[in-house]
Each structure stands twice: as structure tokens, then as C-alpha cells.
Amino acid sequence: MGAKTLTCFSCAQLNRVPEEKLGSGPKCGSCGAPLMPSKPVNVDPATLQKAVQNDDVLLVADFWAPWCGPCRMMAPEFAKAAKTLAGSARLVKLNTQDHQSTGARYRIRGIPALIAFERGKEKKRKAGAMRSAQIAAWLRG
């Protein structure tokens, strides 16, 4: 088994983690933050971009805004999905109200919008609120 590269969501440092350790709570070598958190992490555009470009583990970004009713409805479901997918995917949230240019950069047309990235490429995207089981099924499907 090889090592996986993961970007720390707290300090943006790159970390190499042995594949067999992904499910056992690896921490950042620089700041000690969890690298495979069991809940979604809010990220800024620079950290998201670095993770998209460098990470070897499935990265799922939820593009949302505080004024969006469906976004607020989906937030607890996205958190449940993060627990379900812990060890196999990392889930992040990006506030498109605070970072409007990032929403445009990723061609977000409606929110909530999920984009799954794998090894630097967009793997799939889906707009609209989903339940946790739907999110997990969509990612596995």
C-alpha cells in the first residue's frame, strides 16, 4: 500500500499518510489538526484549491450560502455523510457568499452544489439538497 497526500485544512501543509492509516485518525505533522475529520470543515478558496490539486483522497466540496434555505436544511445531512464516509473521503464546505469569485471559478449555478474531486480533477457534481444516504450513494455510484 502506498502513501496518500493530504492537505491540512487548518494550516494548508501537505502531509503524506500511509493508506492503511487513513481510517485511524491521522494528524497534520505541522499543526496536529485531524487530516481525515469525521465532520465537514469550512475552508477558504486557497486551501480548497491546494487540496483539489494535491490530495490523493476523494474530496467533496459543498458550495453553500447562509441565506440559502436548502443549504441550511442539507447541512446536518452533509455532516452525517461525513461521518459515514470517514476514512474514504474528506468533506469540506465553502461559503459562496463570503467567496463569490470562487463560486464563479467552479461554475456554480445553483446552491447547494456538491463537487467531488479526485487527484486534481472534478469527478462529478450535483446541485440541490440531498439526504446523507443520497450523498453517500451518489459518491459511491
N, C-alpha and C. Protein backbone atom coordinates (compact mmCIF):
# COMPACT_ATOMS: atom_id res chain seq x y z
N MET A 1 0.85 -1.19 0.00
CA MET A 1 0.00 0.00 0.00
C MET A 1 0.88 1.24 0.00
N GLY A 2 0.45 2.25 -0.72
CA GLY A 2 1.23 3.47 -0.82
C GLY A 2 0.78 4.52 0.17
N ALA A 3 1.46 5.65 0.13
CA ALA A 3 1.08 6.78 0.98
C ALA A 3 0.21 7.74 0.16
N LYS A 4 -0.68 8.41 0.85
CA LYS A 4 -1.59 9.38 0.23
C LYS A 4 -1.18 10.78 0.66
N THR A 5 -1.27 11.72 -0.27
CA THR A 5 -1.01 13.11 0.06
C THR A 5 -2.33 13.77 0.47
N LEU A 6 -2.29 14.49 1.60
CA LEU A 6 -3.46 15.20 2.11
C LEU A 6 -3.05 16.62 2.50
N THR A 7 -3.87 17.58 2.14
CA THR A 7 -3.65 18.97 2.54
C THR A 7 -4.33 19.18 3.88
N CYS A 8 -3.61 19.76 4.84
CA CYS A 8 -4.22 20.07 6.14
C CYS A 8 -5.19 21.23 5.94
N PHE A 9 -6.42 21.08 6.41
CA PHE A 9 -7.43 22.13 6.27
C PHE A 9 -7.18 23.28 7.24
N SER A 10 -6.33 23.07 8.26
CA SER A 10 -6.05 24.13 9.24
C SER A 10 -4.87 25.00 8.84
N CYS A 11 -3.76 24.36 8.44
CA CYS A 11 -2.54 25.15 8.14
C CYS A 11 -2.10 25.04 6.68
N ALA A 12 -2.79 24.25 5.87
CA ALA A 12 -2.53 24.09 4.43
C ALA A 12 -1.21 23.38 4.11
N GLN A 13 -0.61 22.72 5.09
CA GLN A 13 0.61 21.95 4.83
C GLN A 13 0.24 20.63 4.14
N LEU A 14 1.12 20.16 3.27
CA LEU A 14 0.91 18.85 2.65
C LEU A 14 1.47 17.78 3.58
N ASN A 15 0.74 16.68 3.71
CA ASN A 15 1.14 15.56 4.55
C ASN A 15 1.07 14.28 3.74
N ARG A 16 2.00 13.34 4.00
CA ARG A 16 1.95 12.02 3.38
C ARG A 16 1.48 11.05 4.47
N VAL A 17 0.40 10.32 4.18
CA VAL A 17 -0.18 9.40 5.15
C VAL A 17 -0.24 8.02 4.53
N PRO A 18 0.31 7.00 5.23
CA PRO A 18 0.19 5.63 4.72
C PRO A 18 -1.30 5.27 4.55
N GLU A 19 -1.62 4.64 3.43
CA GLU A 19 -3.01 4.32 3.10
C GLU A 19 -3.71 3.59 4.24
N GLU A 20 -3.01 2.66 4.89
CA GLU A 20 -3.65 1.87 5.95
C GLU A 20 -3.94 2.70 7.20
N LYS A 21 -3.40 3.91 7.30
CA LYS A 21 -3.63 4.76 8.48
C LYS A 21 -4.75 5.80 8.27
N LEU A 22 -5.34 5.84 7.06
CA LEU A 22 -6.37 6.85 6.77
C LEU A 22 -7.57 6.75 7.70
N GLY A 23 -7.93 5.54 8.09
CA GLY A 23 -9.10 5.35 8.95
C GLY A 23 -8.81 5.46 10.43
N SER A 24 -7.54 5.70 10.81
CA SER A 24 -7.20 5.70 12.24
C SER A 24 -6.82 7.09 12.75
N GLY A 25 -7.46 8.12 12.22
CA GLY A 25 -7.29 9.48 12.76
C GLY A 25 -5.93 10.12 12.55
N PRO A 26 -5.38 10.11 11.33
CA PRO A 26 -4.07 10.75 11.13
C PRO A 26 -4.15 12.26 11.40
N LYS A 27 -3.04 12.81 11.89
CA LYS A 27 -2.98 14.23 12.22
C LYS A 27 -1.88 14.91 11.40
N CYS A 28 -2.04 16.21 11.21
CA CYS A 28 -1.06 17.01 10.47
C CYS A 28 0.26 17.02 11.22
N GLY A 29 1.35 16.81 10.48
CA GLY A 29 2.68 16.83 11.07
C GLY A 29 3.09 18.22 11.54
N SER A 30 2.47 19.27 10.99
CA SER A 30 2.84 20.64 11.37
C SER A 30 2.01 21.18 12.54
N CYS A 31 0.67 21.05 12.44
CA CYS A 31 -0.17 21.70 13.46
C CYS A 31 -0.98 20.73 14.31
N GLY A 32 -1.00 19.44 13.95
CA GLY A 32 -1.71 18.45 14.74
C GLY A 32 -3.21 18.34 14.48
N ALA A 33 -3.71 19.10 13.50
CA ALA A 33 -5.15 19.03 13.18
C ALA A 33 -5.47 17.70 12.51
N PRO A 34 -6.69 17.18 12.69
CA PRO A 34 -7.06 15.92 12.04
C PRO A 34 -7.04 16.06 10.52
N LEU A 35 -6.47 15.07 9.85
CA LEU A 35 -6.40 15.09 8.38
C LEU A 35 -7.60 14.40 7.73
N MET A 36 -8.26 13.51 8.48
CA MET A 36 -9.46 12.83 7.97
C MET A 36 -10.59 13.10 8.96
N PRO A 37 -11.02 14.37 9.06
CA PRO A 37 -12.05 14.71 10.06
C PRO A 37 -13.37 14.00 9.77
N SER A 38 -14.10 13.70 10.85
CA SER A 38 -15.38 13.00 10.69
C SER A 38 -16.54 13.97 10.56
N LYS A 39 -16.22 15.26 10.40
CA LYS A 39 -17.27 16.24 10.11
C LYS A 39 -16.75 17.22 9.06
N PRO A 40 -17.66 17.88 8.34
CA PRO A 40 -17.22 18.82 7.30
C PRO A 40 -16.44 19.98 7.90
N VAL A 41 -15.45 20.46 7.16
CA VAL A 41 -14.61 21.56 7.60
C VAL A 41 -14.83 22.74 6.66
N ASN A 42 -15.00 23.93 7.24
CA ASN A 42 -15.10 25.14 6.42
C ASN A 42 -13.71 25.51 5.92
N VAL A 43 -13.60 25.74 4.62
CA VAL A 43 -12.30 26.08 4.04
C VAL A 43 -12.40 27.40 3.26
N ASP A 44 -11.23 27.99 3.05
CA ASP A 44 -11.16 29.19 2.22
C ASP A 44 -10.77 28.75 0.81
N PRO A 45 -10.91 29.64 -0.17
CA PRO A 45 -10.62 29.25 -1.56
C PRO A 45 -9.20 28.74 -1.79
N ALA A 46 -8.21 29.34 -1.13
CA ALA A 46 -6.81 28.92 -1.34
C ALA A 46 -6.59 27.49 -0.84
N THR A 47 -7.15 27.17 0.32
CA THR A 47 -7.00 25.82 0.88
C THR A 47 -7.73 24.81 0.01
N LEU A 48 -8.93 25.17 -0.45
CA LEU A 48 -9.68 24.27 -1.33
C LEU A 48 -8.87 23.99 -2.60
N GLN A 49 -8.35 25.04 -3.22
CA GLN A 49 -7.59 24.88 -4.46
C GLN A 49 -6.36 23.99 -4.24
N LYS A 50 -5.65 24.20 -3.14
CA LYS A 50 -4.46 23.39 -2.84
C LYS A 50 -4.85 21.92 -2.65
N ALA A 51 -5.96 21.69 -1.93
CA ALA A 51 -6.42 20.32 -1.70
C ALA A 51 -6.87 19.66 -3.00
N VAL A 52 -7.59 20.41 -3.86
CA VAL A 52 -8.03 19.88 -5.14
C VAL A 52 -6.82 19.45 -5.97
N GLN A 53 -5.78 20.28 -5.99
CA GLN A 53 -4.61 20.00 -6.81
C GLN A 53 -3.73 18.88 -6.27
N ASN A 54 -3.68 18.70 -4.94
CA ASN A 54 -2.68 17.81 -4.35
C ASN A 54 -3.20 16.52 -3.73
N ASP A 55 -4.46 16.51 -3.28
CA ASP A 55 -4.94 15.38 -2.49
C ASP A 55 -5.14 14.11 -3.30
N ASP A 56 -4.81 12.99 -2.70
CA ASP A 56 -4.99 11.66 -3.30
C ASP A 56 -6.26 10.97 -2.80
N VAL A 57 -6.99 11.62 -1.89
CA VAL A 57 -8.21 11.05 -1.32
C VAL A 57 -9.39 11.87 -1.86
N LEU A 58 -10.52 11.21 -2.11
CA LEU A 58 -11.71 11.88 -2.60
C LEU A 58 -12.03 13.10 -1.73
N LEU A 59 -12.22 14.24 -2.38
CA LEU A 59 -12.53 15.49 -1.70
C LEU A 59 -13.89 15.97 -2.20
N VAL A 60 -14.82 16.20 -1.28
CA VAL A 60 -16.17 16.61 -1.65
C VAL A 60 -16.43 17.99 -1.06
N ALA A 61 -16.68 18.96 -1.95
CA ALA A 61 -16.92 20.34 -1.52
C ALA A 61 -18.40 20.68 -1.64
N ASP A 62 -18.94 21.24 -0.58
CA ASP A 62 -20.31 21.75 -0.55
C ASP A 62 -20.23 23.26 -0.70
N PHE A 63 -20.71 23.78 -1.83
CA PHE A 63 -20.76 25.22 -2.06
C PHE A 63 -22.12 25.69 -1.58
N TRP A 64 -22.16 26.61 -0.60
CA TRP A 64 -23.39 26.98 0.07
C TRP A 64 -23.36 28.47 0.43
N ALA A 65 -24.46 28.98 0.96
CA ALA A 65 -24.53 30.35 1.48
C ALA A 65 -25.48 30.38 2.68
N PRO A 66 -25.23 31.27 3.64
CA PRO A 66 -26.05 31.33 4.85
C PRO A 66 -27.52 31.68 4.59
N TRP A 67 -27.82 32.43 3.55
CA TRP A 67 -29.19 32.84 3.25
C TRP A 67 -29.99 31.77 2.53
N CYS A 68 -29.34 30.68 2.14
CA CYS A 68 -29.97 29.63 1.32
C CYS A 68 -30.67 28.60 2.21
N GLY A 69 -32.01 28.55 2.14
CA GLY A 69 -32.79 27.60 2.94
C GLY A 69 -32.41 26.15 2.70
N PRO A 70 -32.39 25.69 1.43
CA PRO A 70 -31.99 24.30 1.17
C PRO A 70 -30.57 23.98 1.66
N CYS A 71 -29.67 24.97 1.61
CA CYS A 71 -28.30 24.77 2.12
C CYS A 71 -28.33 24.48 3.62
N ARG A 72 -29.13 25.29 4.35
CA ARG A 72 -29.23 25.09 5.80
C ARG A 72 -29.90 23.76 6.12
N MET A 73 -30.88 23.36 5.30
CA MET A 73 -31.54 22.06 5.50
C MET A 73 -30.55 20.91 5.27
N MET A 74 -29.67 21.05 4.28
CA MET A 74 -28.76 19.97 3.93
C MET A 74 -27.56 19.89 4.88
N ALA A 75 -27.22 20.96 5.57
CA ALA A 75 -26.02 20.98 6.42
C ALA A 75 -25.92 19.78 7.38
N PRO A 76 -26.98 19.45 8.16
CA PRO A 76 -26.85 18.29 9.05
C PRO A 76 -26.72 16.97 8.28
N GLU A 77 -27.33 16.90 7.10
CA GLU A 77 -27.22 15.68 6.29
C GLU A 77 -25.79 15.53 5.74
N PHE A 78 -25.18 16.66 5.35
CA PHE A 78 -23.80 16.65 4.86
C PHE A 78 -22.87 16.21 6.00
N ALA A 79 -23.16 16.66 7.22
CA ALA A 79 -22.37 16.26 8.39
C ALA A 79 -22.50 14.76 8.65
N LYS A 80 -23.72 14.22 8.52
CA LYS A 80 -23.93 12.77 8.69
C LYS A 80 -23.16 11.99 7.62
N ALA A 81 -23.17 12.50 6.38
CA ALA A 81 -22.44 11.85 5.29
C ALA A 81 -20.94 11.84 5.58
N ALA A 82 -20.44 12.91 6.19
CA ALA A 82 -19.01 12.97 6.53
C ALA A 82 -18.64 11.86 7.50
N LYS A 83 -19.52 11.60 8.48
CA LYS A 83 -19.28 10.50 9.43
C LYS A 83 -19.29 9.16 8.71
N THR A 84 -20.29 8.96 7.83
CA THR A 84 -20.43 7.71 7.08
C THR A 84 -19.22 7.45 6.20
N LEU A 85 -18.68 8.50 5.59
CA LEU A 85 -17.60 8.37 4.62
C LEU A 85 -16.21 8.55 5.24
N ALA A 86 -16.15 8.72 6.57
CA ALA A 86 -14.86 8.94 7.25
C ALA A 86 -13.88 7.83 6.90
N GLY A 87 -12.67 8.23 6.54
CA GLY A 87 -11.65 7.26 6.17
C GLY A 87 -11.56 7.04 4.67
N SER A 88 -12.63 7.40 3.92
CA SER A 88 -12.59 7.19 2.47
C SER A 88 -12.76 8.50 1.69
N ALA A 89 -13.28 9.54 2.35
CA ALA A 89 -13.47 10.83 1.69
C ALA A 89 -13.36 11.94 2.72
N ARG A 90 -13.00 13.13 2.24
CA ARG A 90 -12.95 14.31 3.11
C ARG A 90 -13.98 15.30 2.59
N LEU A 91 -14.84 15.80 3.50
CA LEU A 91 -15.90 16.72 3.12
C LEU A 91 -15.61 18.11 3.65
N VAL A 92 -15.73 19.09 2.75
CA VAL A 92 -15.48 20.49 3.11
C VAL A 92 -16.65 21.36 2.67
N LYS A 93 -16.73 22.53 3.27
CA LYS A 93 -17.78 23.50 2.92
C LYS A 93 -17.10 24.81 2.54
N LEU A 94 -17.65 25.45 1.49
CA LEU A 94 -17.14 26.76 1.10
C LEU A 94 -18.33 27.71 0.98
N ASN A 95 -18.28 28.80 1.73
CA ASN A 95 -19.34 29.80 1.76
C ASN A 95 -19.22 30.69 0.52
N THR A 96 -20.15 30.54 -0.41
CA THR A 96 -20.08 31.30 -1.67
C THR A 96 -20.49 32.76 -1.48
N GLN A 97 -21.13 33.09 -0.37
CA GLN A 97 -21.44 34.50 -0.10
C GLN A 97 -20.16 35.24 0.27
N ASP A 98 -19.33 34.60 1.11
CA ASP A 98 -18.06 35.21 1.51
C ASP A 98 -17.02 35.15 0.40
N HIS A 99 -17.12 34.15 -0.46
CA HIS A 99 -16.11 33.93 -1.52
C HIS A 99 -16.81 33.83 -2.88
N GLN A 100 -17.40 34.94 -3.33
CA GLN A 100 -18.21 34.91 -4.56
C GLN A 100 -17.40 34.54 -5.79
N SER A 101 -16.15 34.97 -5.87
CA SER A 101 -15.36 34.66 -7.07
C SER A 101 -15.07 33.16 -7.17
N THR A 102 -15.01 32.47 -6.02
CA THR A 102 -14.77 31.03 -6.04
C THR A 102 -15.97 30.29 -6.61
N GLY A 103 -17.18 30.74 -6.27
CA GLY A 103 -18.38 30.16 -6.86
C GLY A 103 -18.35 30.28 -8.36
N ALA A 104 -17.91 31.44 -8.86
CA ALA A 104 -17.81 31.66 -10.31
C ALA A 104 -16.70 30.79 -10.91
N ARG A 105 -15.59 30.69 -10.20
CA ARG A 105 -14.45 29.90 -10.70
C ARG A 105 -14.82 28.44 -10.94
N TYR A 106 -15.65 27.89 -10.05
CA TYR A 106 -16.07 26.49 -10.18
C TYR A 106 -17.40 26.35 -10.92
N ARG A 107 -17.85 27.44 -11.55
CA ARG A 107 -19.08 27.44 -12.36
C ARG A 107 -20.29 26.93 -11.56
N ILE A 108 -20.44 27.47 -10.36
CA ILE A 108 -21.59 27.11 -9.52
C ILE A 108 -22.78 27.92 -10.01
N ARG A 109 -23.83 27.25 -10.43
CA ARG A 109 -25.01 27.93 -10.97
C ARG A 109 -26.16 27.95 -9.96
N GLY A 110 -26.21 26.99 -9.08
CA GLY A 110 -27.23 26.92 -8.04
C GLY A 110 -26.65 26.27 -6.80
N ILE A 111 -27.17 26.66 -5.63
CA ILE A 111 -26.67 26.07 -4.39
C ILE A 111 -27.84 25.47 -3.62
N PRO A 112 -27.59 24.49 -2.77
CA PRO A 112 -26.28 23.89 -2.53
C PRO A 112 -25.79 23.10 -3.75
N ALA A 113 -24.49 23.10 -3.92
CA ALA A 113 -23.88 22.34 -5.01
C ALA A 113 -22.73 21.53 -4.44
N LEU A 114 -22.69 20.26 -4.78
CA LEU A 114 -21.59 19.39 -4.35
C LEU A 114 -20.71 19.09 -5.55
N ILE A 115 -19.41 19.20 -5.35
CA ILE A 115 -18.45 18.78 -6.37
C ILE A 115 -17.48 17.81 -5.72
N ALA A 116 -17.32 16.65 -6.34
CA ALA A 116 -16.37 15.65 -5.87
C ALA A 116 -15.12 15.75 -6.74
N PHE A 117 -13.97 15.89 -6.09
CA PHE A 117 -12.69 15.99 -6.78
C PHE A 117 -11.85 14.77 -6.44
N GLU A 118 -11.12 14.27 -7.43
CA GLU A 118 -10.21 13.15 -7.20
C GLU A 118 -8.94 13.39 -8.00
N ARG A 119 -7.81 13.42 -7.29
CA ARG A 119 -6.49 13.60 -7.91
C ARG A 119 -6.44 14.78 -8.90
N GLY A 120 -6.94 15.93 -8.46
CA GLY A 120 -6.81 17.15 -9.24
C GLY A 120 -7.89 17.38 -10.28
N LYS A 121 -8.83 16.46 -10.40
CA LYS A 121 -9.87 16.60 -11.43
C LYS A 121 -11.26 16.52 -10.80
N GLU A 122 -12.19 17.26 -11.42
CA GLU A 122 -13.57 17.15 -11.00
C GLU A 122 -14.09 15.80 -11.46
N LYS A 123 -14.60 15.02 -10.51
CA LYS A 123 -15.10 13.68 -10.82
C LYS A 123 -16.59 13.73 -11.14
N LYS A 124 -17.35 14.49 -10.32
CA LYS A 124 -18.79 14.63 -10.54
C LYS A 124 -19.30 15.82 -9.76
N ARG A 125 -20.50 16.30 -10.15
CA ARG A 125 -21.13 17.40 -9.42
C ARG A 125 -22.64 17.20 -9.40
N LYS A 126 -23.26 17.78 -8.40
CA LYS A 126 -24.71 17.68 -8.26
C LYS A 126 -25.21 18.91 -7.51
N ALA A 127 -26.25 19.53 -8.04
CA ALA A 127 -26.86 20.68 -7.37
C ALA A 127 -28.15 20.23 -6.69
N GLY A 128 -28.48 20.91 -5.60
CA GLY A 128 -29.71 20.61 -4.87
C GLY A 128 -29.44 19.87 -3.57
N ALA A 129 -30.34 20.05 -2.62
CA ALA A 129 -30.19 19.42 -1.31
C ALA A 129 -30.39 17.91 -1.41
N MET A 130 -29.59 17.18 -0.64
CA MET A 130 -29.70 15.71 -0.60
C MET A 130 -29.62 15.25 0.85
N ARG A 131 -30.16 14.08 1.11
CA ARG A 131 -30.03 13.45 2.43
C ARG A 131 -28.68 12.73 2.48
N SER A 132 -28.23 12.39 3.68
CA SER A 132 -26.90 11.79 3.83
C SER A 132 -26.75 10.49 3.03
N ALA A 133 -27.79 9.64 3.04
CA ALA A 133 -27.72 8.38 2.30
C ALA A 133 -27.60 8.64 0.79
N GLN A 134 -28.29 9.69 0.32
CA GLN A 134 -28.21 10.04 -1.12
C GLN A 134 -26.80 10.54 -1.47
N ILE A 135 -26.21 11.32 -0.57
CA ILE A 135 -24.84 11.84 -0.80
C ILE A 135 -23.87 10.67 -0.90
N ALA A 136 -23.95 9.75 0.07
CA ALA A 136 -23.05 8.58 0.07
C ALA A 136 -23.26 7.72 -1.18
N ALA A 137 -24.51 7.48 -1.54
CA ALA A 137 -24.81 6.67 -2.74
C ALA A 137 -24.31 7.36 -4.00
N TRP A 138 -24.49 8.67 -4.08
CA TRP A 138 -24.03 9.44 -5.25
C TRP A 138 -22.51 9.33 -5.39
N LEU A 139 -21.80 9.41 -4.27
CA LEU A 139 -20.33 9.34 -4.31
C LEU A 139 -19.84 7.93 -4.66
N ARG A 140 -20.54 6.93 -4.17
CA ARG A 140 -20.11 5.54 -4.41
C ARG A 140 -20.54 5.06 -5.79
N GLY A 141 -21.59 5.68 -6.36
CA GLY A 141 -22.18 5.22 -7.61
C GLY A 141 -21.41 5.57 -8.84
